[in-house]
Every structure is written in structure tokens, then in C-alpha cells.
Amino acid sequence: MRAALERLAEARAARRRARIAASLADEDVAAVIEGEDVRASARGLAGRWSRELALREAGRGTEIMR
């Protein structure tokens, strides 16, 4: 039972990462899924990050923009 729940949780997380990457691609931001991380890069992304509160809040507590 526990193994089945772990597989379901991992599948759900993988779908979420794929949706995040697809949403970033829609905004012309290159995204790569590396294990449990979604890495984003695009021209001007760091500047946009610092100007938009919603982006900063979304990434709070993650390893993004180190």
C-alpha cells in the first residue's frame, strides 16, 4: 500500500513539474526538468524576477535564483 501511494505521489509531482515547464515555455522562458527541480532561464529573467513581487513570492523557499 505504501509503495503504491509513493508511486502516485511521484507521478503527481512529475505532472506538476511538466505543467510548470510548459507554462514557462508559453512565456518564452526555457525550462529544464532536472530531477525534482525545474530550472528556468531566459534573457531578462533575473531583472523580471527582481521587479515582480508575485515571481519573488512564488520562488520563496526554493533554490531558484541563487
PDB file of N, CA and C in Angstrom:
ATOM      1  N   MET A   1       0.820  -1.193   0.000  1.00  0.00           N
ATOM      2  CA  MET A   1       0.000   0.000   0.000  1.00  0.00           C
ATOM      3  C   MET A   1       0.865   1.258   0.000  1.00  0.00           C
ATOM      4  N   ARG A   2       1.874   1.290   0.867  1.00  0.00           N
ATOM      5  CA  ARG A   2       2.734   2.468   0.960  1.00  0.00           C
ATOM      6  C   ARG A   2       3.479   2.724  -0.352  1.00  0.00           C
ATOM      7  N   ALA A   3       3.970   1.658  -0.969  1.00  0.00           N
ATOM      8  CA  ALA A   3       4.687   1.800  -2.237  1.00  0.00           C
ATOM      9  C   ALA A   3       3.774   2.378  -3.316  1.00  0.00           C
ATOM     10  N   ALA A   4       2.526   1.950  -3.319  1.00  0.00           N
ATOM     11  CA  ALA A   4       1.568   2.464  -4.304  1.00  0.00           C
ATOM     12  C   ALA A   4       1.322   3.953  -4.083  1.00  0.00           C
ATOM     13  N   LEU A   5       1.197   4.356  -2.826  1.00  0.00           N
ATOM     14  CA  LEU A   5       0.993   5.780  -2.527  1.00  0.00           C
ATOM     15  C   LEU A   5       2.215   6.605  -2.922  1.00  0.00           C
ATOM     16  N   GLU A   6       3.404   6.062  -2.705  1.00  0.00           N
ATOM     17  CA  GLU A   6       4.626   6.769  -3.100  1.00  0.00           C
ATOM     18  C   GLU A   6       4.680   6.937  -4.616  1.00  0.00           C
ATOM     19  N   ARG A   7       4.305   5.897  -5.360  1.00  0.00           N
ATOM     20  CA  ARG A   7       4.288   5.996  -6.828  1.00  0.00           C
ATOM     21  C   ARG A   7       3.283   7.045  -7.286  1.00  0.00           C
ATOM     22  N   LEU A   8       2.115   7.068  -6.665  1.00  0.00           N
ATOM     23  CA  LEU A   8       1.096   8.070  -7.018  1.00  0.00           C
ATOM     24  C   LEU A   8       1.589   9.486  -6.730  1.00  0.00           C
ATOM     25  N   ALA A   9       2.223   9.656  -5.582  1.00  0.00           N
ATOM     26  CA  ALA A   9       2.741  10.984  -5.221  1.00  0.00           C
ATOM     27  C   ALA A   9       3.825  11.427  -6.198  1.00  0.00           C
ATOM     28  N   GLU A  10       4.720  10.517  -6.580  1.00  0.00           N
ATOM     29  CA  GLU A  10       5.780  10.867  -7.521  1.00  0.00           C
ATOM     30  C   GLU A  10       5.206  11.188  -8.901  1.00  0.00           C
ATOM     31  N   ALA A  11       4.219  10.428  -9.331  1.00  0.00           N
ATOM     32  CA  ALA A  11       3.582  10.703 -10.623  1.00  0.00           C
ATOM     33  C   ALA A  11       2.913  12.073 -10.614  1.00  0.00           C
ATOM     34  N   ARG A  12       2.266  12.404  -9.509  1.00  0.00           N
ATOM     35  CA  ARG A  12       1.620  13.721  -9.390  1.00  0.00           C
ATOM     36  C   ARG A  12       2.661  14.836  -9.436  1.00  0.00           C
ATOM     37  N   ALA A  13       3.781  14.649  -8.730  1.00  0.00           N
ATOM     38  CA  ALA A  13       4.839  15.658  -8.730  1.00  0.00           C
ATOM     39  C   ALA A  13       5.447  15.807 -10.132  1.00  0.00           C
ATOM     40  N   ALA A  14       5.616  14.705 -10.837  1.00  0.00           N
ATOM     41  CA  ALA A  14       6.167  14.760 -12.192  1.00  0.00           C
ATOM     42  C   ALA A  14       5.228  15.522 -13.125  1.00  0.00           C
ATOM     43  N   ARG A  15       3.921  15.285 -12.989  1.00  0.00           N
ATOM     44  CA  ARG A  15       2.959  16.029 -13.818  1.00  0.00           C
ATOM     45  C   ARG A  15       2.999  17.515 -13.492  1.00  0.00           C
ATOM     46  N   ARG A  16       3.139  17.850 -12.222  1.00  0.00           N
ATOM     47  CA  ARG A  16       3.211  19.254 -11.818  1.00  0.00           C
ATOM     48  C   ARG A  16       4.461  19.913 -12.407  1.00  0.00           C
ATOM     49  N   ARG A  17       5.603  19.231 -12.332  1.00  0.00           N
ATOM     50  CA  ARG A  17       6.830  19.792 -12.914  1.00  0.00           C
ATOM     51  C   ARG A  17       6.668  20.004 -14.416  1.00  0.00           C
ATOM     52  N   ALA A  18       6.028  19.050 -15.090  1.00  0.00           N
ATOM     53  CA  ALA A  18       5.808  19.184 -16.535  1.00  0.00           C
ATOM     54  C   ALA A  18       4.904  20.376 -16.846  1.00  0.00           C
ATOM     55  N   ARG A  19       3.864  20.589 -16.038  1.00  0.00           N
ATOM     56  CA  ARG A  19       2.980  21.753 -16.243  1.00  0.00           C
ATOM     57  C   ARG A  19       3.719  23.059 -16.011  1.00  0.00           C
ATOM     58  N   ILE A  20       4.578  23.091 -15.013  1.00  0.00           N
ATOM     59  CA  ILE A  20       5.372  24.295 -14.749  1.00  0.00           C
ATOM     60  C   ILE A  20       6.276  24.593 -15.935  1.00  0.00           C
ATOM     61  N   ALA A  21       6.974  23.578 -16.427  1.00  0.00           N
ATOM     62  CA  ALA A  21       7.867  23.764 -17.577  1.00  0.00           C
ATOM     63  C   ALA A  21       7.084  24.232 -18.805  1.00  0.00           C
ATOM     64  N   ALA A  22       5.908  23.661 -19.028  1.00  0.00           N
ATOM     65  CA  ALA A  22       5.089  24.064 -20.174  1.00  0.00           C
ATOM     66  C   ALA A  22       4.611  25.506 -20.031  1.00  0.00           C
ATOM     67  N   SER A  23       4.239  25.902 -18.829  1.00  0.00           N
ATOM     68  CA  SER A  23       3.810  27.289 -18.601  1.00  0.00           C
ATOM     69  C   SER A  23       4.949  28.258 -18.845  1.00  0.00           C
ATOM     70  N   LEU A  24       6.137  27.897 -18.407  1.00  0.00           N
ATOM     71  CA  LEU A  24       7.295  28.749 -18.656  1.00  0.00           C
ATOM     72  C   LEU A  24       7.570  28.855 -20.149  1.00  0.00           C
ATOM     73  N   ALA A  25       7.456  27.752 -20.860  1.00  0.00           N
ATOM     74  CA  ALA A  25       7.676  27.772 -22.315  1.00  0.00           C
ATOM     75  C   ALA A  25       6.671  28.691 -23.000  1.00  0.00           C
ATOM     76  N   ASP A  26       5.441  28.714 -22.504  1.00  0.00           N
ATOM     77  CA  ASP A  26       4.424  29.615 -23.063  1.00  0.00           C
ATOM     78  C   ASP A  26       4.822  31.082 -22.917  1.00  0.00           C
ATOM     79  N   GLU A  27       5.647  31.377 -21.908  1.00  0.00           N
ATOM     80  CA  GLU A  27       6.117  32.743 -21.667  1.00  0.00           C
ATOM     81  C   GLU A  27       7.511  32.980 -22.260  1.00  0.00           C
ATOM     82  N   ASP A  28       7.940  32.106 -23.176  1.00  0.00           N
ATOM     83  CA  ASP A  28       9.255  32.199 -23.826  1.00  0.00           C
ATOM     84  C   ASP A  28      10.411  32.102 -22.835  1.00  0.00           C
ATOM     85  N   VAL A  29      10.235  31.294 -21.812  1.00  0.00           N
ATOM     86  CA  VAL A  29      11.284  31.040 -20.832  1.00  0.00           C
ATOM     87  C   VAL A  29      11.691  29.583 -20.985  1.00  0.00           C
ATOM     88  N   ALA A  30      12.973  29.358 -21.260  1.00  0.00           N
ATOM     89  CA  ALA A  30      13.468  27.991 -21.393  1.00  0.00           C
ATOM     90  C   ALA A  30      13.457  27.323 -20.024  1.00  0.00           C
ATOM     91  N   ALA A  31      12.948  26.106 -19.956  1.00  0.00           N
ATOM     92  CA  ALA A  31      12.887  25.374 -18.688  1.00  0.00           C
ATOM     93  C   ALA A  31      13.356  23.943 -18.906  1.00  0.00           C
ATOM     94  N   VAL A  32      14.126  23.464 -17.949  1.00  0.00           N
ATOM     95  CA  VAL A  32      14.628  22.098 -17.988  1.00  0.00           C
ATOM     96  C   VAL A  32      14.280  21.439 -16.659  1.00  0.00           C
ATOM     97  N   ILE A  33      13.772  20.219 -16.727  1.00  0.00           N
ATOM     98  CA  ILE A  33      13.482  19.471 -15.508  1.00  0.00           C
ATOM     99  C   ILE A  33      14.717  18.649 -15.171  1.00  0.00           C
ATOM    100  N   GLU A  34      15.285  18.914 -14.001  1.00  0.00           N
ATOM    101  CA  GLU A  34      16.464  18.199 -13.523  1.00  0.00           C
ATOM    102  C   GLU A  34      16.113  17.524 -12.205  1.00  0.00           C
ATOM    103  N   GLY A  35      15.756  16.270 -12.262  1.00  0.00           N
ATOM    104  CA  GLY A  35      15.348  15.565 -11.054  1.00  0.00           C
ATOM    105  C   GLY A  35      14.070  16.163 -10.496  1.00  0.00           C
ATOM    106  N   GLU A  36      14.151  16.721  -9.297  1.00  0.00           N
ATOM    107  CA  GLU A  36      12.972  17.342  -8.677  1.00  0.00           C
ATOM    108  C   GLU A  36      12.910  18.840  -8.922  1.00  0.00           C
ATOM    109  N   ASP A  37      13.865  19.380  -9.663  1.00  0.00           N
ATOM    110  CA  ASP A  37      13.933  20.822  -9.902  1.00  0.00           C
ATOM    111  C   ASP A  37      13.486  21.171 -11.312  1.00  0.00           C
ATOM    112  N   VAL A  38      12.908  22.354 -11.455  1.00  0.00           N
ATOM    113  CA  VAL A  38      12.627  22.928 -12.766  1.00  0.00           C
ATOM    114  C   VAL A  38      13.519  24.157 -12.867  1.00  0.00           C
ATOM    115  N   ARG A  39      14.476  24.121 -13.767  1.00  0.00           N
ATOM    116  CA  ARG A  39      15.422  25.227 -13.940  1.00  0.00           C
ATOM    117  C   ARG A  39      14.962  26.090 -15.111  1.00  0.00           C
ATOM    118  N   ALA A  40      14.856  27.380 -14.870  1.00  0.00           N
ATOM    119  CA  ALA A  40      14.375  28.312 -15.893  1.00  0.00           C
ATOM    120  C   ALA A  40      15.476  29.287 -16.262  1.00  0.00           C
ATOM    121  N   SER A  41      15.518  29.642 -17.548  1.00  0.00           N
ATOM    122  CA  SER A  41      16.472  30.662 -17.988  1.00  0.00           C
ATOM    123  C   SER A  41      15.917  31.381 -19.210  1.00  0.00           C
ATOM    124  N   ALA A  42      16.132  32.669 -19.229  1.00  0.00           N
ATOM    125  CA  ALA A  42      15.710  33.483 -20.368  1.00  0.00           C
ATOM    126  C   ALA A  42      16.353  34.852 -20.244  1.00  0.00           C
ATOM    127  N   ARG A  43      16.473  35.517 -21.335  1.00  0.00           N
ATOM    128  CA  ARG A  43      17.022  36.860 -21.336  1.00  0.00           C
ATOM    129  C   ARG A  43      16.127  37.767 -20.492  1.00  0.00           C
ATOM    130  N   GLY A  44      16.714  38.458 -19.547  1.00  0.00           N
ATOM    131  CA  GLY A  44      15.966  39.388 -18.719  1.00  0.00           C
ATOM    132  C   GLY A  44      15.206  38.750 -17.565  1.00  0.00           C
ATOM    133  N   LEU A  45      15.345  37.446 -17.370  1.00  0.00           N
ATOM    134  CA  LEU A  45      14.585  36.780 -16.323  1.00  0.00           C
ATOM    135  C   LEU A  45      14.976  37.277 -14.931  1.00  0.00           C
ATOM    136  N   ALA A  46      16.242  37.488 -14.685  1.00  0.00           N
ATOM    137  CA  ALA A  46      16.676  37.962 -13.366  1.00  0.00           C
ATOM    138  C   ALA A  46      16.106  39.351 -13.072  1.00  0.00           C
ATOM    139  N   GLY A  47      16.092  40.233 -14.062  1.00  0.00           N
ATOM    140  CA  GLY A  47      15.516  41.564 -13.871  1.00  0.00           C
ATOM    141  C   GLY A  47      14.028  41.500 -13.615  1.00  0.00           C
ATOM    142  N   ARG A  48      13.350  40.638 -14.363  1.00  0.00           N
ATOM    143  CA  ARG A  48      11.911  40.480 -14.167  1.00  0.00           C
ATOM    144  C   ARG A  48      11.641  39.931 -12.774  1.00  0.00           C
ATOM    145  N   TRP A  49      12.468  38.997 -12.347  1.00  0.00           N
ATOM    146  CA  TRP A  49      12.333  38.401 -11.014  1.00  0.00           C
ATOM    147  C   TRP A  49      12.394  39.480  -9.934  1.00  0.00           C
ATOM    148  N   SER A  50      13.346  40.390 -10.075  1.00  0.00           N
ATOM    149  CA  SER A  50      13.523  41.397  -9.038  1.00  0.00           C
ATOM    150  C   SER A  50      12.423  42.467  -9.082  1.00  0.00           C
ATOM    151  N   ARG A  51      11.777  42.662 -10.234  1.00  0.00           N
ATOM    152  CA  ARG A  51      10.736  43.688 -10.356  1.00  0.00           C
ATOM    153  C   ARG A  51       9.350  43.188  -9.976  1.00  0.00           C
ATOM    154  N   GLU A  52       9.087  41.898 -10.111  1.00  0.00           N
ATOM    155  CA  GLU A  52       7.728  41.392  -9.921  1.00  0.00           C
ATOM    156  C   GLU A  52       7.582  40.635  -8.603  1.00  0.00           C
ATOM    157  N   LEU A  53       6.832  41.211  -7.700  1.00  0.00           N
ATOM    158  CA  LEU A  53       6.620  40.618  -6.384  1.00  0.00           C
ATOM    159  C   LEU A  53       6.047  39.206  -6.479  1.00  0.00           C
ATOM    160  N   ALA A  54       5.123  38.970  -7.373  1.00  0.00           N
ATOM    161  CA  ALA A  54       4.497  37.648  -7.483  1.00  0.00           C
ATOM    162  C   ALA A  54       5.531  36.574  -7.816  1.00  0.00           C
ATOM    163  N   LEU A  55       6.478  36.898  -8.676  1.00  0.00           N
ATOM    164  CA  LEU A  55       7.522  35.932  -9.008  1.00  0.00           C
ATOM    165  C   LEU A  55       8.420  35.664  -7.809  1.00  0.00           C
ATOM    166  N   ARG A  56       8.770  36.711  -7.087  1.00  0.00           N
ATOM    167  CA  ARG A  56       9.628  36.523  -5.908  1.00  0.00           C
ATOM    168  C   ARG A  56       8.926  35.675  -4.871  1.00  0.00           C
ATOM    169  N   GLU A  57       7.647  35.950  -4.647  1.00  0.00           N
ATOM    170  CA  GLU A  57       6.893  35.189  -3.651  1.00  0.00           C
ATOM    171  C   GLU A  57       6.734  33.734  -4.076  1.00  0.00           C
ATOM    172  N   ALA A  58       6.540  33.495  -5.363  1.00  0.00           N
ATOM    173  CA  ALA A  58       6.368  32.124  -5.854  1.00  0.00           C
ATOM    174  C   ALA A  58       7.629  31.301  -5.613  1.00  0.00           C
ATOM    175  N   GLY A  59       8.773  31.933  -5.684  1.00  0.00           N
ATOM    176  CA  GLY A  59      10.026  31.216  -5.519  1.00  0.00           C
ATOM    177  C   GLY A  59      10.573  31.199  -4.111  1.00  0.00           C
ATOM    178  N   ARG A  60       9.914  31.874  -3.203  1.00  0.00           N
ATOM    179  CA  ARG A  60      10.403  31.930  -1.828  1.00  0.00           C
ATOM    180  C   ARG A  60      10.475  30.527  -1.244  1.00  0.00           C
ATOM    181  N   GLY A  61      11.619  30.225  -0.637  1.00  0.00           N
ATOM    182  CA  GLY A  61      11.796  28.910  -0.033  1.00  0.00           C
ATOM    183  C   GLY A  61      12.291  27.853  -0.997  1.00  0.00           C
ATOM    184  N   THR A  62      12.609  28.256  -2.225  1.00  0.00           N
ATOM    185  CA  THR A  62      13.149  27.309  -3.188  1.00  0.00           C
ATOM    186  C   THR A  62      14.592  27.685  -3.495  1.00  0.00           C
ATOM    187  N   GLU A  63      15.227  26.886  -4.312  1.00  0.00           N
ATOM    188  CA  GLU A  63      16.616  27.139  -4.660  1.00  0.00           C
ATOM    189  C   GLU A  63      16.744  28.024  -5.885  1.00  0.00           C
ATOM    190  N   ILE A  64      15.644  28.595  -6.349  1.00  0.00           N
ATOM    191  CA  ILE A  64      15.673  29.397  -7.561  1.00  0.00           C
ATOM    192  C   ILE A  64      16.443  30.711  -7.339  1.00  0.00           C
ATOM    193  N   MET A  65      17.119  31.133  -8.338  1.00  0.00           N
ATOM    194  CA  MET A  65      17.836  32.415  -8.359  1.00  0.00           C
ATOM    195  C   MET A  65      18.915  32.509  -7.264  1.00  0.00           C
ATOM    196  N   ARG A  66      19.703  31.465  -7.115  1.00  0.00           N
ATOM    197  CA  ARG A  66      20.803  31.515  -6.149  1.00  0.00           C
ATOM    198  C   ARG A  66      21.902  32.372  -6.657  1.00  0.00           C
TER     199      ARG A  66
END
